[in-house]
Amino acid sequence: MKVFENLTAAMESESLQWKKWYGDEKAEIAELPKSFKDISLFHRILLLRALRPDRLNGALTQYVTESLGVEFIEQPSFDMQIVYDEMTVKTPAFFVLFPGVDPTPDVERVGEKYGKTANDQTFTNISMGQGQE
């Protein structure tokens, strides 16, 4: 690539700056040596991929945020009402959970909104614990 045609010469002539950049804890946001400080974020990612692959995730997150928007990085919070609105008798909801996640309060809140509660026996919570599939 044309942008990198003088990379080795630049590394030789600015070796101390390259060593500092290479040793930086967050190389993806650290200032590059003078001859490469104005390269695009995409080219910076290529450079990181070649020289510091351990710092690639941060640079990719930055690239996607700048190119597509933060909504492609941050997941919206869970909304049980949206799930309920998409459900029908033929389209149930099935939750695959991680340890520490419990949608029960959200499910009960939506149930109460529509007059379905455990007290009047119109709502039954069935929890399939580990190994009970």
C-alpha atoms as a PDB file:
ATOM      1  CA  MET A   1       0.000   0.000   0.000  1.00  0.00           C
ATOM      2  CA  LYS A   2       1.246   3.436  -0.901  1.00  0.00           C
ATOM      3  CA  VAL A   3       0.715   4.808   2.625  1.00  0.00           C
ATOM      4  CA  PHE A   4       3.118   2.221   4.049  1.00  0.00           C
ATOM      5  CA  GLU A   5       5.785   2.261   1.338  1.00  0.00           C
ATOM      6  CA  ASN A   6       8.246   4.140   3.605  1.00  0.00           C
ATOM      7  CA  LEU A   7       7.341   2.340   6.821  1.00  0.00           C
ATOM      8  CA  THR A   8      10.635   0.548   7.344  1.00  0.00           C
ATOM      9  CA  ALA A   9      12.653   3.700   6.599  1.00  0.00           C
ATOM     10  CA  ALA A  10      10.460   5.670   9.010  1.00  0.00           C
ATOM     11  CA  MET A  11      10.922   3.023  11.684  1.00  0.00           C
ATOM     12  CA  GLU A  12      14.688   3.228  11.275  1.00  0.00           C
ATOM     13  CA  SER A  13      14.858   7.036  11.317  1.00  0.00           C
ATOM     14  CA  GLU A  14      12.307   7.473  14.158  1.00  0.00           C
ATOM     15  CA  SER A  15      13.179   4.367  16.120  1.00  0.00           C
ATOM     16  CA  LEU A  16      12.754   5.942  19.567  1.00  0.00           C
ATOM     17  CA  GLN A  17       9.266   7.255  18.713  1.00  0.00           C
ATOM     18  CA  TRP A  18       8.252   3.866  17.271  1.00  0.00           C
ATOM     19  CA  LYS A  19       9.592   2.096  20.352  1.00  0.00           C
ATOM     20  CA  LYS A  20       7.586   4.435  22.567  1.00  0.00           C
ATOM     21  CA  TRP A  21       4.415   3.864  20.498  1.00  0.00           C
ATOM     22  CA  TYR A  22       4.956   0.110  20.420  1.00  0.00           C
ATOM     23  CA  GLY A  23       5.428  -0.027  24.191  1.00  0.00           C
ATOM     24  CA  ASP A  24       2.398   2.129  24.960  1.00  0.00           C
ATOM     25  CA  GLU A  25      -0.296   0.380  26.982  1.00  0.00           C
ATOM     26  CA  LYS A  26      -2.998   1.762  24.670  1.00  0.00           C
ATOM     27  CA  ALA A  27      -1.263   1.916  21.321  1.00  0.00           C
ATOM     28  CA  GLU A  28      -4.595   2.276  19.519  1.00  0.00           C
ATOM     29  CA  ILE A  29      -5.010   5.807  20.928  1.00  0.00           C
ATOM     30  CA  ALA A  30      -1.346   6.731  21.413  1.00  0.00           C
ATOM     31  CA  GLU A  31       0.178   9.241  19.041  1.00  0.00           C
ATOM     32  CA  LEU A  32       2.057   7.641  16.172  1.00  0.00           C
ATOM     33  CA  PRO A  33       5.526   8.910  15.167  1.00  0.00           C
ATOM     34  CA  LYS A  34       5.605  12.107  13.086  1.00  0.00           C
ATOM     35  CA  SER A  35       5.745  10.504   9.656  1.00  0.00           C
ATOM     36  CA  PHE A  36       2.587   8.436  10.323  1.00  0.00           C
ATOM     37  CA  LYS A  37       0.618  10.589  12.755  1.00  0.00           C
ATOM     38  CA  ASP A  38      -1.878  11.744  10.091  1.00  0.00           C
ATOM     39  CA  ILE A  39      -2.844   8.366   8.637  1.00  0.00           C
ATOM     40  CA  SER A  40      -6.523   7.425   8.593  1.00  0.00           C
ATOM     41  CA  LEU A  41      -8.090   5.303  11.299  1.00  0.00           C
ATOM     42  CA  PHE A  42      -8.426   2.448   8.813  1.00  0.00           C
ATOM     43  CA  HIS A  43      -4.693   2.514   8.069  1.00  0.00           C
ATOM     44  CA  ARG A  44      -3.973   2.765  11.791  1.00  0.00           C
ATOM     45  CA  ILE A  45      -5.968  -0.465  12.237  1.00  0.00           C
ATOM     46  CA  LEU A  46      -3.840  -2.146   9.575  1.00  0.00           C
ATOM     47  CA  LEU A  47      -0.711  -0.990  11.370  1.00  0.00           C
ATOM     48  CA  LEU A  48      -2.026  -2.287  14.692  1.00  0.00           C
ATOM     49  CA  ARG A  49      -2.943  -5.602  13.089  1.00  0.00           C
ATOM     50  CA  ALA A  50       0.611  -6.018  11.889  1.00  0.00           C
ATOM     51  CA  LEU A  51       2.497  -4.675  14.912  1.00  0.00           C
ATOM     52  CA  ARG A  52       0.178  -4.739  17.950  1.00  0.00           C
ATOM     53  CA  PRO A  53      -2.649  -7.258  17.361  1.00  0.00           C
ATOM     54  CA  ASP A  54      -3.341  -7.269  21.110  1.00  0.00           C
ATOM     55  CA  ARG A  55      -4.701  -3.694  20.804  1.00  0.00           C
ATOM     56  CA  LEU A  56      -6.895  -4.305  17.760  1.00  0.00           C
ATOM     57  CA  ASN A  57     -10.251  -4.597  19.579  1.00  0.00           C
ATOM     58  CA  GLY A  58     -10.138  -1.054  20.919  1.00  0.00           C
ATOM     59  CA  ALA A  59      -9.289   0.343  17.490  1.00  0.00           C
ATOM     60  CA  LEU A  60     -12.049  -1.656  15.807  1.00  0.00           C
ATOM     61  CA  THR A  61     -14.568  -0.411  18.369  1.00  0.00           C
ATOM     62  CA  GLN A  62     -13.489   3.161  17.656  1.00  0.00           C
ATOM     63  CA  TYR A  63     -13.693   2.574  13.890  1.00  0.00           C
ATOM     64  CA  VAL A  64     -17.196   1.100  14.013  1.00  0.00           C
ATOM     65  CA  THR A  65     -18.381   3.893  16.327  1.00  0.00           C
ATOM     66  CA  GLU A  66     -17.047   6.594  14.004  1.00  0.00           C
ATOM     67  CA  SER A  67     -18.135   4.890  10.776  1.00  0.00           C
ATOM     68  CA  LEU A  68     -21.531   3.435  11.680  1.00  0.00           C
ATOM     69  CA  GLY A  69     -22.499   4.946  15.014  1.00  0.00           C
ATOM     70  CA  VAL A  70     -22.524   4.022  18.679  1.00  0.00           C
ATOM     71  CA  GLU A  71     -25.702   1.949  18.258  1.00  0.00           C
ATOM     72  CA  PHE A  72     -23.579  -0.709  16.554  1.00  0.00           C
ATOM     73  CA  ILE A  73     -21.375  -0.986  19.663  1.00  0.00           C
ATOM     74  CA  GLU A  74     -23.723  -0.542  22.612  1.00  0.00           C
ATOM     75  CA  GLN A  75     -26.623  -2.920  23.023  1.00  0.00           C
ATOM     76  CA  PRO A  76     -29.960  -1.350  24.004  1.00  0.00           C
ATOM     77  CA  SER A  77     -31.308  -2.370  27.379  1.00  0.00           C
ATOM     78  CA  PHE A  78     -33.735  -5.279  27.539  1.00  0.00           C
ATOM     79  CA  ASP A  79     -37.415  -4.305  27.279  1.00  0.00           C
ATOM     80  CA  MET A  80     -39.867  -7.069  28.171  1.00  0.00           C
ATOM     81  CA  GLN A  81     -42.793  -5.064  26.764  1.00  0.00           C
ATOM     82  CA  ILE A  82     -41.260  -5.208  23.281  1.00  0.00           C
ATOM     83  CA  VAL A  83     -40.806  -8.972  23.631  1.00  0.00           C
ATOM     84  CA  TYR A  84     -44.413  -9.348  24.797  1.00  0.00           C
ATOM     85  CA  ASP A  85     -45.726  -7.288  21.876  1.00  0.00           C
ATOM     86  CA  GLU A  86     -43.994  -9.688  19.461  1.00  0.00           C
ATOM     87  CA  MET A  87     -45.366 -12.829  21.142  1.00  0.00           C
ATOM     88  CA  THR A  88     -48.495 -14.724  20.076  1.00  0.00           C
ATOM     89  CA  VAL A  89     -49.955 -18.098  20.964  1.00  0.00           C
ATOM     90  CA  LYS A  90     -47.903 -19.492  18.079  1.00  0.00           C
ATOM     91  CA  THR A  91     -44.817 -17.374  18.815  1.00  0.00           C
ATOM     92  CA  PRO A  92     -43.717 -17.894  22.425  1.00  0.00           C
ATOM     93  CA  ALA A  93     -40.685 -16.359  24.101  1.00  0.00           C
ATOM     94  CA  PHE A  94     -37.749 -18.483  25.170  1.00  0.00           C
ATOM     95  CA  PHE A  95     -35.023 -16.962  27.339  1.00  0.00           C
ATOM     96  CA  VAL A  96     -31.478 -18.268  27.321  1.00  0.00           C
ATOM     97  CA  LEU A  97     -29.930 -16.760  30.416  1.00  0.00           C
ATOM     98  CA  PHE A  98     -26.502 -16.240  31.860  1.00  0.00           C
ATOM     99  CA  PRO A  99     -25.641 -16.679  35.538  1.00  0.00           C
ATOM    100  CA  GLY A 100     -26.995 -13.749  37.527  1.00  0.00           C
ATOM    101  CA  VAL A 101     -29.628 -12.743  34.951  1.00  0.00           C
ATOM    102  CA  ASP A 102     -33.269 -13.021  36.001  1.00  0.00           C
ATOM    103  CA  PRO A 103     -36.070 -11.678  33.744  1.00  0.00           C
ATOM    104  CA  THR A 104     -38.769 -12.730  36.260  1.00  0.00           C
ATOM    105  CA  PRO A 105     -39.468  -9.223  37.641  1.00  0.00           C
ATOM    106  CA  ASP A 106     -39.866  -7.835  34.106  1.00  0.00           C
ATOM    107  CA  VAL A 107     -42.159 -10.708  33.092  1.00  0.00           C
ATOM    108  CA  GLU A 108     -44.267 -10.269  36.239  1.00  0.00           C
ATOM    109  CA  ARG A 109     -44.530  -6.500  35.639  1.00  0.00           C
ATOM    110  CA  VAL A 110     -45.884  -7.032  32.107  1.00  0.00           C
ATOM    111  CA  GLY A 111     -48.223  -9.748  33.422  1.00  0.00           C
ATOM    112  CA  GLU A 112     -49.629  -7.403  36.070  1.00  0.00           C
ATOM    113  CA  LYS A 113     -50.205  -4.755  33.394  1.00  0.00           C
ATOM    114  CA  TYR A 114     -52.547  -7.199  31.617  1.00  0.00           C
ATOM    115  CA  GLY A 115     -54.199  -8.563  34.768  1.00  0.00           C
ATOM    116  CA  LYS A 116     -52.183 -11.788  34.981  1.00  0.00           C
ATOM    117  CA  THR A 117     -50.800 -12.421  38.468  1.00  0.00           C
ATOM    118  CA  ALA A 118     -49.672 -15.383  40.516  1.00  0.00           C
ATOM    119  CA  ASN A 119     -52.144 -14.380  43.269  1.00  0.00           C
ATOM    120  CA  ASP A 120     -55.226 -14.964  41.100  1.00  0.00           C
ATOM    121  CA  GLN A 121     -53.557 -17.985  39.441  1.00  0.00           C
ATOM    122  CA  THR A 122     -53.640 -16.491  35.952  1.00  0.00           C
ATOM    123  CA  PHE A 123     -49.835 -16.366  35.887  1.00  0.00           C
ATOM    124  CA  THR A 124     -47.522 -19.299  36.489  1.00  0.00           C
ATOM    125  CA  ASN A 125     -43.765 -18.929  36.557  1.00  0.00           C
ATOM    126  CA  ILE A 126     -41.915 -22.073  35.524  1.00  0.00           C
ATOM    127  CA  SER A 127     -38.178 -21.937  35.986  1.00  0.00           C
ATOM    128  CA  MET A 128     -36.190 -24.695  34.329  1.00  0.00           C
ATOM    129  CA  GLY A 129     -33.019 -24.852  36.374  1.00  0.00           C
ATOM    130  CA  GLN A 130     -29.694 -26.213  35.274  1.00  0.00           C
ATOM    131  CA  GLY A 131     -29.984 -29.762  33.953  1.00  0.00           C
ATOM    132  CA  GLN A 132     -33.804 -29.623  33.690  1.00  0.00           C
ATOM    133  CA  GLU A 133     -34.131 -29.054  29.996  1.00  0.00           C
END
